[in-house]
Amino acid sequence: MSKNPAFEEFKEDFPETAKIFGELYNSVSGKALDEKTKQLVYLGILTSTRYGPAIKVHIQKALEAGATKEEIKEAMMLAIPASGLCNFLAVLPDMKDELNL
């Protein structure tokens, strides 16, 4: 699985803060959505923020949770009308690389 080098460095340099960050994710991630849906939503958000390293990690998590390549592409493309084409284009190479497109 891909790793986000910056996040790995964050965990190493600030272990207590990284632990709290993980707890934050768990606290807002209830049981209403299944893991596949959570990852697809997360990918749309990450696309809007142009965060390529995390996109690679969460594409793998989405695939592991049962998402198809088509579902992943659609989830990421939904960011276009919400946050603009440029944000999508900024992470398109990451998506293509991770999905072997």
PDB file of N, CA and C in Angstrom:
ATOM      1  N   MET A   1       0.843  -1.184   0.000  1.00  0.00           N
ATOM      2  CA  MET A   1       0.000   0.000   0.000  1.00  0.00           C
ATOM      3  C   MET A   1       0.882   1.239   0.000  1.00  0.00           C
ATOM      4  N   SER A   2       0.437   2.221  -0.731  1.00  0.00           N
ATOM      5  CA  SER A   2       1.138   3.505  -0.754  1.00  0.00           C
ATOM      6  C   SER A   2       1.103   4.144   0.625  1.00  0.00           C
ATOM      7  N   LYS A   3       2.156   4.858   0.930  1.00  0.00           N
ATOM      8  CA  LYS A   3       2.204   5.631   2.172  1.00  0.00           C
ATOM      9  C   LYS A   3       2.447   7.076   1.818  1.00  0.00           C
ATOM     10  N   ASN A   4       1.919   7.942   2.631  1.00  0.00           N
ATOM     11  CA  ASN A   4       2.121   9.378   2.478  1.00  0.00           C
ATOM     12  C   ASN A   4       3.379   9.738   3.265  1.00  0.00           C
ATOM     13  N   PRO A   5       4.483  10.023   2.577  1.00  0.00           N
ATOM     14  CA  PRO A   5       5.739  10.301   3.286  1.00  0.00           C
ATOM     15  C   PRO A   5       5.639  11.445   4.294  1.00  0.00           C
ATOM     16  N   ALA A   6       4.902  12.482   3.944  1.00  0.00           N
ATOM     17  CA  ALA A   6       4.760  13.616   4.865  1.00  0.00           C
ATOM     18  C   ALA A   6       4.013  13.202   6.126  1.00  0.00           C
ATOM     19  N   PHE A   7       2.983  12.372   5.973  1.00  0.00           N
ATOM     20  CA  PHE A   7       2.225  11.924   7.137  1.00  0.00           C
ATOM     21  C   PHE A   7       3.069  10.983   7.998  1.00  0.00           C
ATOM     22  N   GLU A   8       3.874  10.144   7.360  1.00  0.00           N
ATOM     23  CA  GLU A   8       4.762   9.256   8.114  1.00  0.00           C
ATOM     24  C   GLU A   8       5.760  10.072   8.935  1.00  0.00           C
ATOM     25  N   GLU A   9       6.270  11.144   8.343  1.00  0.00           N
ATOM     26  CA  GLU A   9       7.193  12.029   9.062  1.00  0.00           C
ATOM     27  C   GLU A   9       6.472  12.732  10.218  1.00  0.00           C
ATOM     28  N   PHE A  10       5.250  13.172   9.964  1.00  0.00           N
ATOM     29  CA  PHE A  10       4.423  13.790  11.010  1.00  0.00           C
ATOM     30  C   PHE A  10       4.260  12.835  12.193  1.00  0.00           C
ATOM     31  N   LYS A  11       3.947  11.572  11.904  1.00  0.00           N
ATOM     32  CA  LYS A  11       3.766  10.591  12.978  1.00  0.00           C
ATOM     33  C   LYS A  11       5.049  10.388  13.769  1.00  0.00           C
ATOM     34  N   GLU A  12       6.171  10.399  13.068  1.00  0.00           N
ATOM     35  CA  GLU A  12       7.458  10.204  13.744  1.00  0.00           C
ATOM     36  C   GLU A  12       7.837  11.417  14.591  1.00  0.00           C
ATOM     37  N   ASP A  13       7.649  12.607  14.044  1.00  0.00           N
ATOM     38  CA  ASP A  13       8.065  13.826  14.736  1.00  0.00           C
ATOM     39  C   ASP A  13       7.096  14.265  15.830  1.00  0.00           C
ATOM     40  N   PHE A  14       5.823  13.948  15.647  1.00  0.00           N
ATOM     41  CA  PHE A  14       4.792  14.399  16.588  1.00  0.00           C
ATOM     42  C   PHE A  14       3.861  13.233  16.943  1.00  0.00           C
ATOM     43  N   PRO A  15       4.379  12.209  17.613  1.00  0.00           N
ATOM     44  CA  PRO A  15       3.580  11.002  17.852  1.00  0.00           C
ATOM     45  C   PRO A  15       2.297  11.236  18.656  1.00  0.00           C
ATOM     46  N   GLU A  16       2.344  12.099  19.643  1.00  0.00           N
ATOM     47  CA  GLU A  16       1.148  12.339  20.459  1.00  0.00           C
ATOM     48  C   GLU A  16       0.070  13.041  19.633  1.00  0.00           C
ATOM     49  N   THR A  17       0.465  14.032  18.852  1.00  0.00           N
ATOM     50  CA  THR A  17      -0.487  14.743  17.998  1.00  0.00           C
ATOM     51  C   THR A  17      -1.040  13.805  16.936  1.00  0.00           C
ATOM     52  N   ALA A  18      -0.196  12.950  16.378  1.00  0.00           N
ATOM     53  CA  ALA A  18      -0.658  11.985  15.377  1.00  0.00           C
ATOM     54  C   ALA A  18      -1.679  11.025  15.974  1.00  0.00           C
ATOM     55  N   LYS A  19      -1.448  10.624  17.208  1.00  0.00           N
ATOM     56  CA  LYS A  19      -2.399   9.746  17.899  1.00  0.00           C
ATOM     57  C   LYS A  19      -3.741  10.446  18.064  1.00  0.00           C
ATOM     58  N   ILE A  20      -3.714  11.683  18.476  1.00  0.00           N
ATOM     59  CA  ILE A  20      -4.948  12.457  18.664  1.00  0.00           C
ATOM     60  C   ILE A  20      -5.649  12.662  17.321  1.00  0.00           C
ATOM     61  N   PHE A  21      -4.877  12.891  16.254  1.00  0.00           N
ATOM     62  CA  PHE A  21      -5.456  13.038  14.925  1.00  0.00           C
ATOM     63  C   PHE A  21      -6.203  11.764  14.532  1.00  0.00           C
ATOM     64  N   GLY A  22      -5.601  10.610  14.800  1.00  0.00           N
ATOM     65  CA  GLY A  22      -6.262   9.338  14.520  1.00  0.00           C
ATOM     66  C   GLY A  22      -7.538   9.171  15.322  1.00  0.00           C
ATOM     67  N   GLU A  23      -7.513   9.617  16.552  1.00  0.00           N
ATOM     68  CA  GLU A  23      -8.710   9.551  17.389  1.00  0.00           C
ATOM     69  C   GLU A  23      -9.795  10.477  16.859  1.00  0.00           C
ATOM     70  N   LEU A  24      -9.395  11.631  16.309  1.00  0.00           N
ATOM     71  CA  LEU A  24     -10.368  12.547  15.707  1.00  0.00           C
ATOM     72  C   LEU A  24     -11.074  11.872  14.546  1.00  0.00           C
ATOM     73  N   TYR A  25     -10.303  11.230  13.656  1.00  0.00           N
ATOM     74  CA  TYR A  25     -10.910  10.514  12.535  1.00  0.00           C
ATOM     75  C   TYR A  25     -11.912   9.483  13.050  1.00  0.00           C
ATOM     76  N   ASN A  26     -11.519   8.716  14.050  1.00  0.00           N
ATOM     77  CA  ASN A  26     -12.410   7.696  14.596  1.00  0.00           C
ATOM     78  C   ASN A  26     -13.645   8.312  15.243  1.00  0.00           C
ATOM     79  N   SER A  27     -13.497   9.474  15.859  1.00  0.00           N
ATOM     80  CA  SER A  27     -14.642  10.081  16.544  1.00  0.00           C
ATOM     81  C   SER A  27     -15.685  10.621  15.567  1.00  0.00           C
ATOM     82  N   VAL A  28     -15.265  11.031  14.375  1.00  0.00           N
ATOM     83  CA  VAL A  28     -16.229  11.548  13.399  1.00  0.00           C
ATOM     84  C   VAL A  28     -16.670  10.477  12.412  1.00  0.00           C
ATOM     85  N   SER A  29     -16.061   9.327  12.483  1.00  0.00           N
ATOM     86  CA  SER A  29     -16.384   8.236  11.575  1.00  0.00           C
ATOM     87  C   SER A  29     -17.264   7.234  12.305  1.00  0.00           C
ATOM     88  N   GLY A  30     -18.557   7.482  12.240  1.00  0.00           N
ATOM     89  CA  GLY A  30     -19.505   6.623  12.936  1.00  0.00           C
ATOM     90  C   GLY A  30     -19.803   5.349  12.166  1.00  0.00           C
ATOM     91  N   LYS A  31     -20.959   4.832  12.390  1.00  0.00           N
ATOM     92  CA  LYS A  31     -21.341   3.567  11.784  1.00  0.00           C
ATOM     93  C   LYS A  31     -22.411   3.726  10.701  1.00  0.00           C
ATOM     94  N   ALA A  32     -22.789   4.955  10.379  1.00  0.00           N
ATOM     95  CA  ALA A  32     -23.844   5.163   9.388  1.00  0.00           C
ATOM     96  C   ALA A  32     -23.381   4.836   7.976  1.00  0.00           C
ATOM     97  N   LEU A  33     -22.088   5.032   7.689  1.00  0.00           N
ATOM     98  CA  LEU A  33     -21.551   4.760   6.356  1.00  0.00           C
ATOM     99  C   LEU A  33     -20.645   3.540   6.409  1.00  0.00           C
ATOM    100  N   ASP A  34     -20.729   2.721   5.372  1.00  0.00           N
ATOM    101  CA  ASP A  34     -19.799   1.597   5.294  1.00  0.00           C
ATOM    102  C   ASP A  34     -18.425   2.116   4.872  1.00  0.00           C
ATOM    103  N   GLU A  35     -17.411   1.291   5.027  1.00  0.00           N
ATOM    104  CA  GLU A  35     -16.032   1.735   4.779  1.00  0.00           C
ATOM    105  C   GLU A  35     -15.817   2.173   3.330  1.00  0.00           C
ATOM    106  N   LYS A  36     -16.405   1.476   2.387  1.00  0.00           N
ATOM    107  CA  LYS A  36     -16.248   1.861   0.982  1.00  0.00           C
ATOM    108  C   LYS A  36     -16.789   3.262   0.745  1.00  0.00           C
ATOM    109  N   THR A  37     -17.970   3.548   1.263  1.00  0.00           N
ATOM    110  CA  THR A  37     -18.574   4.870   1.093  1.00  0.00           C
ATOM    111  C   THR A  37     -17.723   5.938   1.763  1.00  0.00           C
ATOM    112  N   LYS A  38     -17.223   5.657   2.956  1.00  0.00           N
ATOM    113  CA  LYS A  38     -16.355   6.616   3.656  1.00  0.00           C
ATOM    114  C   LYS A  38     -15.132   6.958   2.810  1.00  0.00           C
ATOM    115  N   GLN A  39     -14.516   5.945   2.233  1.00  0.00           N
ATOM    116  CA  GLN A  39     -13.316   6.185   1.435  1.00  0.00           C
ATOM    117  C   GLN A  39     -13.645   6.981   0.168  1.00  0.00           C
ATOM    118  N   LEU A  40     -14.774   6.717  -0.450  1.00  0.00           N
ATOM    119  CA  LEU A  40     -15.165   7.466  -1.650  1.00  0.00           C
ATOM    120  C   LEU A  40     -15.439   8.930  -1.307  1.00  0.00           C
ATOM    121  N   VAL A  41     -16.101   9.173  -0.186  1.00  0.00           N
ATOM    122  CA  VAL A  41     -16.335  10.556   0.260  1.00  0.00           C
ATOM    123  C   VAL A  41     -14.993  11.233   0.531  1.00  0.00           C
ATOM    124  N   TYR A  42     -14.125  10.537   1.226  1.00  0.00           N
ATOM    125  CA  TYR A  42     -12.811  11.078   1.559  1.00  0.00           C
ATOM    126  C   TYR A  42     -12.029  11.433   0.297  1.00  0.00           C
ATOM    127  N   LEU A  43     -12.123  10.592  -0.723  1.00  0.00           N
ATOM    128  CA  LEU A  43     -11.424  10.863  -1.981  1.00  0.00           C
ATOM    129  C   LEU A  43     -11.949  12.121  -2.658  1.00  0.00           C
ATOM    130  N   GLY A  44     -13.259  12.332  -2.578  1.00  0.00           N
ATOM    131  CA  GLY A  44     -13.811  13.568  -3.132  1.00  0.00           C
ATOM    132  C   GLY A  44     -13.279  14.795  -2.403  1.00  0.00           C
ATOM    133  N   ILE A  45     -13.189  14.698  -1.096  1.00  0.00           N
ATOM    134  CA  ILE A  45     -12.677  15.814  -0.298  1.00  0.00           C
ATOM    135  C   ILE A  45     -11.193  16.040  -0.587  1.00  0.00           C
ATOM    136  N   LEU A  46     -10.429  14.964  -0.631  1.00  0.00           N
ATOM    137  CA  LEU A  46      -8.994  15.092  -0.909  1.00  0.00           C
ATOM    138  C   LEU A  46      -8.744  15.661  -2.301  1.00  0.00           C
ATOM    139  N   THR A  47      -9.605  15.330  -3.247  1.00  0.00           N
ATOM    140  CA  THR A  47      -9.491  15.905  -4.588  1.00  0.00           C
ATOM    141  C   THR A  47      -9.706  17.405  -4.515  1.00  0.00           C
ATOM    142  N   SER A  48     -10.702  17.832  -3.757  1.00  0.00           N
ATOM    143  CA  SER A  48     -10.988  19.264  -3.614  1.00  0.00           C
ATOM    144  C   SER A  48      -9.842  20.024  -2.975  1.00  0.00           C
ATOM    145  N   THR A  49      -9.069  19.344  -2.148  1.00  0.00           N
ATOM    146  CA  THR A  49      -7.940  20.002  -1.479  1.00  0.00           C
ATOM    147  C   THR A  49      -6.605  19.733  -2.172  1.00  0.00           C
ATOM    148  N   ARG A  50      -6.651  19.002  -3.286  1.00  0.00           N
ATOM    149  CA  ARG A  50      -5.459  18.717  -4.108  1.00  0.00           C
ATOM    150  C   ARG A  50      -4.383  17.950  -3.354  1.00  0.00           C
ATOM    151  N   TYR A  51      -4.758  17.065  -2.477  1.00  0.00           N
ATOM    152  CA  TYR A  51      -3.746  16.397  -1.662  1.00  0.00           C
ATOM    153  C   TYR A  51      -3.401  15.028  -2.240  1.00  0.00           C
ATOM    154  N   GLY A  52      -2.539  15.036  -3.248  1.00  0.00           N
ATOM    155  CA  GLY A  52      -2.146  13.839  -3.968  1.00  0.00           C
ATOM    156  C   GLY A  52      -1.590  12.704  -3.131  1.00  0.00           C
ATOM    157  N   PRO A  53      -0.665  12.958  -2.193  1.00  0.00           N
ATOM    158  CA  PRO A  53      -0.115  11.841  -1.422  1.00  0.00           C
ATOM    159  C   PRO A  53      -1.188  11.066  -0.649  1.00  0.00           C
ATOM    160  N   ALA A  54      -2.153  11.780  -0.092  1.00  0.00           N
ATOM    161  CA  ALA A  54      -3.218  11.098   0.642  1.00  0.00           C
ATOM    162  C   ALA A  54      -4.182  10.407  -0.316  1.00  0.00           C
ATOM    163  N   ILE A  55      -4.346  10.967  -1.508  1.00  0.00           N
ATOM    164  CA  ILE A  55      -5.220  10.329  -2.496  1.00  0.00           C
ATOM    165  C   ILE A  55      -4.713   8.937  -2.822  1.00  0.00           C
ATOM    166  N   LYS A  56      -3.413   8.792  -2.975  1.00  0.00           N
ATOM    167  CA  LYS A  56      -2.847   7.484  -3.287  1.00  0.00           C
ATOM    168  C   LYS A  56      -3.162   6.477  -2.173  1.00  0.00           C
ATOM    169  N   VAL A  57      -3.016   6.898  -0.944  1.00  0.00           N
ATOM    170  CA  VAL A  57      -3.305   6.024   0.194  1.00  0.00           C
ATOM    171  C   VAL A  57      -4.782   5.652   0.220  1.00  0.00           C
ATOM    172  N   HIS A  58      -5.655   6.639   0.034  1.00  0.00           N
ATOM    173  CA  HIS A  58      -7.084   6.370   0.169  1.00  0.00           C
ATOM    174  C   HIS A  58      -7.679   5.679  -1.049  1.00  0.00           C
ATOM    175  N   ILE A  59      -7.036   5.765  -2.200  1.00  0.00           N
ATOM    176  CA  ILE A  59      -7.471   4.937  -3.333  1.00  0.00           C
ATOM    177  C   ILE A  59      -7.252   3.470  -2.971  1.00  0.00           C
ATOM    178  N   GLN A  60      -6.114   3.165  -2.398  1.00  0.00           N
ATOM    179  CA  GLN A  60      -5.847   1.783  -1.995  1.00  0.00           C
ATOM    180  C   GLN A  60      -6.841   1.314  -0.933  1.00  0.00           C
ATOM    181  N   LYS A  61      -7.149   2.190   0.020  1.00  0.00           N
ATOM    182  CA  LYS A  61      -8.127   1.829   1.060  1.00  0.00           C
ATOM    183  C   LYS A  61      -9.504   1.615   0.445  1.00  0.00           C
ATOM    184  N   ALA A  62      -9.870   2.432  -0.530  1.00  0.00           N
ATOM    185  CA  ALA A  62     -11.164   2.276  -1.198  1.00  0.00           C
ATOM    186  C   ALA A  62     -11.218   0.957  -1.962  1.00  0.00           C
ATOM    187  N   LEU A  63     -10.148   0.634  -2.664  1.00  0.00           N
ATOM    188  CA  LEU A  63     -10.105  -0.644  -3.380  1.00  0.00           C
ATOM    189  C   LEU A  63     -10.223  -1.819  -2.413  1.00  0.00           C
ATOM    190  N   GLU A  64      -9.510  -1.735  -1.300  1.00  0.00           N
ATOM    191  CA  GLU A  64      -9.584  -2.797  -0.288  1.00  0.00           C
ATOM    192  C   GLU A  64     -10.980  -2.924   0.294  1.00  0.00           C
ATOM    193  N   ALA A  65     -11.708  -1.812   0.341  1.00  0.00           N
ATOM    194  CA  ALA A  65     -13.072  -1.832   0.886  1.00  0.00           C
ATOM    195  C   ALA A  65     -14.101  -2.245  -0.171  1.00  0.00           C
ATOM    196  N   GLY A  66     -13.638  -2.538  -1.384  1.00  0.00           N
ATOM    197  CA  GLY A  66     -14.548  -3.046  -2.405  1.00  0.00           C
ATOM    198  C   GLY A  66     -14.950  -2.068  -3.489  1.00  0.00           C
ATOM    199  N   ALA A  67     -14.385  -0.872  -3.491  1.00  0.00           N
ATOM    200  CA  ALA A  67     -14.719   0.105  -4.530  1.00  0.00           C
ATOM    201  C   ALA A  67     -14.080  -0.307  -5.851  1.00  0.00           C
ATOM    202  N   THR A  68     -14.783   0.002  -6.934  1.00  0.00           N
ATOM    203  CA  THR A  68     -14.238  -0.258  -8.261  1.00  0.00           C
ATOM    204  C   THR A  68     -13.470   0.976  -8.731  1.00  0.00           C
ATOM    205  N   LYS A  69     -12.679   0.797  -9.774  1.00  0.00           N
ATOM    206  CA  LYS A  69     -11.973   1.933 -10.358  1.00  0.00           C
ATOM    207  C   LYS A  69     -12.962   2.983 -10.848  1.00  0.00           C
ATOM    208  N   GLU A  70     -14.073   2.530 -11.424  1.00  0.00           N
ATOM    209  CA  GLU A  70     -15.082   3.468 -11.921  1.00  0.00           C
ATOM    210  C   GLU A  70     -15.700   4.270 -10.780  1.00  0.00           C
ATOM    211  N   GLU A  71     -15.974   3.626  -9.652  1.00  0.00           N
ATOM    212  CA  GLU A  71     -16.530   4.340  -8.497  1.00  0.00           C
ATOM    213  C   GLU A  71     -15.537   5.369  -7.971  1.00  0.00           C
ATOM    214  N   ILE A  72     -14.284   5.004  -7.936  1.00  0.00           N
ATOM    215  CA  ILE A  72     -13.249   5.923  -7.451  1.00  0.00           C
ATOM    216  C   ILE A  72     -13.136   7.125  -8.380  1.00  0.00           C
ATOM    217  N   LYS A  73     -13.082   6.879  -9.677  1.00  0.00           N
ATOM    218  CA  LYS A  73     -12.996   7.986 -10.639  1.00  0.00           C
ATOM    219  C   LYS A  73     -14.202   8.908 -10.504  1.00  0.00           C
ATOM    220  N   GLU A  74     -15.398   8.334 -10.378  1.00  0.00           N
ATOM    221  CA  GLU A  74     -16.595   9.166 -10.252  1.00  0.00           C
ATOM    222  C   GLU A  74     -16.587   9.978  -8.970  1.00  0.00           C
ATOM    223  N   ALA A  75     -16.190   9.363  -7.870  1.00  0.00           N
ATOM    224  CA  ALA A  75     -16.140  10.084  -6.599  1.00  0.00           C
ATOM    225  C   ALA A  75     -15.191  11.273  -6.685  1.00  0.00           C
ATOM    226  N   MET A  76     -14.075  11.062  -7.348  1.00  0.00           N
ATOM    227  CA  MET A  76     -13.104  12.150  -7.470  1.00  0.00           C
ATOM    228  C   MET A  76     -13.580  13.212  -8.453  1.00  0.00           C
ATOM    229  N   MET A  77     -14.241  12.803  -9.510  1.00  0.00           N
ATOM    230  CA  MET A  77     -14.734  13.764 -10.495  1.00  0.00           C
ATOM    231  C   MET A  77     -15.890  14.602  -9.954  1.00  0.00           C
ATOM    232  N   LEU A  78     -16.589  14.098  -8.941  1.00  0.00           N
ATOM    233  CA  LEU A  78     -17.666  14.882  -8.321  1.00  0.00           C
ATOM    234  C   LEU A  78     -17.134  16.146  -7.664  1.00  0.00           C
ATOM    235  N   ALA A  79     -15.836  16.193  -7.430  1.00  0.00           N
ATOM    236  CA  ALA A  79     -15.240  17.401  -6.865  1.00  0.00           C
ATOM    237  C   ALA A  79     -15.193  18.532  -7.893  1.00  0.00           C
ATOM    238  N   ILE A  80     -15.277  18.206  -9.175  1.00  0.00           N
ATOM    239  CA  ILE A  80     -15.156  19.231 -10.215  1.00  0.00           C
ATOM    240  C   ILE A  80     -16.220  20.325 -10.076  1.00  0.00           C
ATOM    241  N   PRO A  81     -17.519  19.987 -10.021  1.00  0.00           N
ATOM    242  CA  PRO A  81     -18.492  21.077  -9.904  1.00  0.00           C
ATOM    243  C   PRO A  81     -18.460  21.777  -8.548  1.00  0.00           C
ATOM    244  N   ALA A  82     -17.995  21.083  -7.520  1.00  0.00           N
ATOM    245  CA  ALA A  82     -17.968  21.674  -6.182  1.00  0.00           C
ATOM    246  C   ALA A  82     -16.748  22.556  -5.952  1.00  0.00           C
ATOM    247  N   SER A  83     -15.589  22.143  -6.493  1.00  0.00           N
ATOM    248  CA  SER A  83     -14.381  22.898  -6.173  1.00  0.00           C
ATOM    249  C   SER A  83     -13.542  23.284  -7.391  1.00  0.00           C
ATOM    250  N   GLY A  84     -13.974  22.903  -8.560  1.00  0.00           N
ATOM    251  CA  GLY A  84     -13.302  23.358  -9.770  1.00  0.00           C
ATOM    252  C   GLY A  84     -12.471  22.301 -10.474  1.00  0.00           C
ATOM    253  N   LEU A  85     -12.378  22.470 -11.775  1.00  0.00           N
ATOM    254  CA  LEU A  85     -11.626  21.542 -12.613  1.00  0.00           C
ATOM    255  C   LEU A  85     -10.143  21.534 -12.263  1.00  0.00           C
ATOM    256  N   CYS A  86      -9.583  22.685 -11.919  1.00  0.00           N
ATOM    257  CA  CYS A  86      -8.146  22.750 -11.623  1.00  0.00           C
ATOM    258  C   CYS A  86      -7.762  21.851 -10.457  1.00  0.00           C
ATOM    259  N   ASN A  87      -8.610  21.747  -9.453  1.00  0.00           N
ATOM    260  CA  ASN A  87      -8.307  20.872  -8.321  1.00  0.00           C
ATOM    261  C   ASN A  87      -8.248  19.418  -8.763  1.00  0.00           C
ATOM    262  N   PHE A  88      -9.197  19.023  -9.610  1.00  0.00           N
ATOM    263  CA  PHE A  88      -9.189  17.658 -10.127  1.00  0.00           C
ATOM    264  C   PHE A  88      -7.950  17.418 -10.989  1.00  0.00           C
ATOM    265  N   LEU A  89      -7.658  18.359 -11.860  1.00  0.00           N
ATOM    266  CA  LEU A  89      -6.506  18.193 -12.747  1.00  0.00           C
ATOM    267  C   LEU A  89      -5.192  18.096 -11.969  1.00  0.00           C
ATOM    268  N   ALA A  90      -5.131  18.758 -10.828  1.00  0.00           N
ATOM    269  CA  ALA A  90      -3.916  18.723 -10.008  1.00  0.00           C
ATOM    270  C   ALA A  90      -3.620  17.326  -9.471  1.00  0.00           C
ATOM    271  N   VAL A  91      -4.658  16.528  -9.246  1.00  0.00           N
ATOM    272  CA  VAL A  91      -4.457  15.192  -8.684  1.00  0.00           C
ATOM    273  C   VAL A  91      -4.716  14.083  -9.700  1.00  0.00           C
ATOM    274  N   LEU A  92      -5.083  14.449 -10.913  1.00  0.00           N
ATOM    275  CA  LEU A  92      -5.330  13.447 -11.950  1.00  0.00           C
ATOM    276  C   LEU A  92      -4.133  12.510 -12.150  1.00  0.00           C
ATOM    277  N   PRO A  93      -2.900  13.023 -12.188  1.00  0.00           N
ATOM    278  CA  PRO A  93      -1.770  12.092 -12.332  1.00  0.00           C
ATOM    279  C   PRO A  93      -1.664  11.084 -11.183  1.00  0.00           C
ATOM    280  N   ASP A  94      -1.971  11.512  -9.972  1.00  0.00           N
ATOM    281  CA  ASP A  94      -1.944  10.598  -8.820  1.00  0.00           C
ATOM    282  C   ASP A  94      -3.002   9.515  -8.976  1.00  0.00           C
ATOM    283  N   MET A  95      -4.194   9.913  -9.402  1.00  0.00           N
ATOM    284  CA  MET A  95      -5.279   8.952  -9.601  1.00  0.00           C
ATOM    285  C   MET A  95      -4.891   7.948 -10.679  1.00  0.00           C
ATOM    286  N   LYS A  96      -4.406   8.459 -11.814  1.00  0.00           N
ATOM    287  CA  LYS A  96      -4.048   7.562 -12.915  1.00  0.00           C
ATOM    288  C   LYS A  96      -2.928   6.619 -12.522  1.00  0.00           C
ATOM    289  N   ASP A  97      -1.959   7.121 -11.785  1.00  0.00           N
ATOM    290  CA  ASP A  97      -0.837   6.305 -11.348  1.00  0.00           C
ATOM    291  C   ASP A  97      -1.319   5.190 -10.410  1.00  0.00           C
ATOM    292  N   GLU A  98      -2.132   5.553  -9.456  1.00  0.00           N
ATOM    293  CA  GLU A  98      -2.569   4.578  -8.449  1.00  0.00           C
ATOM    294  C   GLU A  98      -3.540   3.553  -9.029  1.00  0.00           C
ATOM    295  N   LEU A  99      -4.353   3.949 -10.006  1.00  0.00           N
ATOM    296  CA  LEU A  99      -5.312   3.030 -10.612  1.00  0.00           C
ATOM    297  C   LEU A  99      -4.754   2.344 -11.861  1.00  0.00           C
ATOM    298  N   ASN A 100      -3.496   2.628 -12.167  1.00  0.00           N
ATOM    299  CA  ASN A 100      -2.851   2.048 -13.360  1.00  0.00           C
ATOM    300  C   ASN A 100      -3.647   2.334 -14.631  1.00  0.00           C
ATOM    301  N   LEU A 101      -4.027   3.592 -14.808  1.00  0.00           N
ATOM    302  CA  LEU A 101      -4.796   3.996 -15.994  1.00  0.00           C
ATOM    303  C   LEU A 101      -3.886   4.559 -17.061  1.00  0.00           C
TER     304      LEU A 101
END
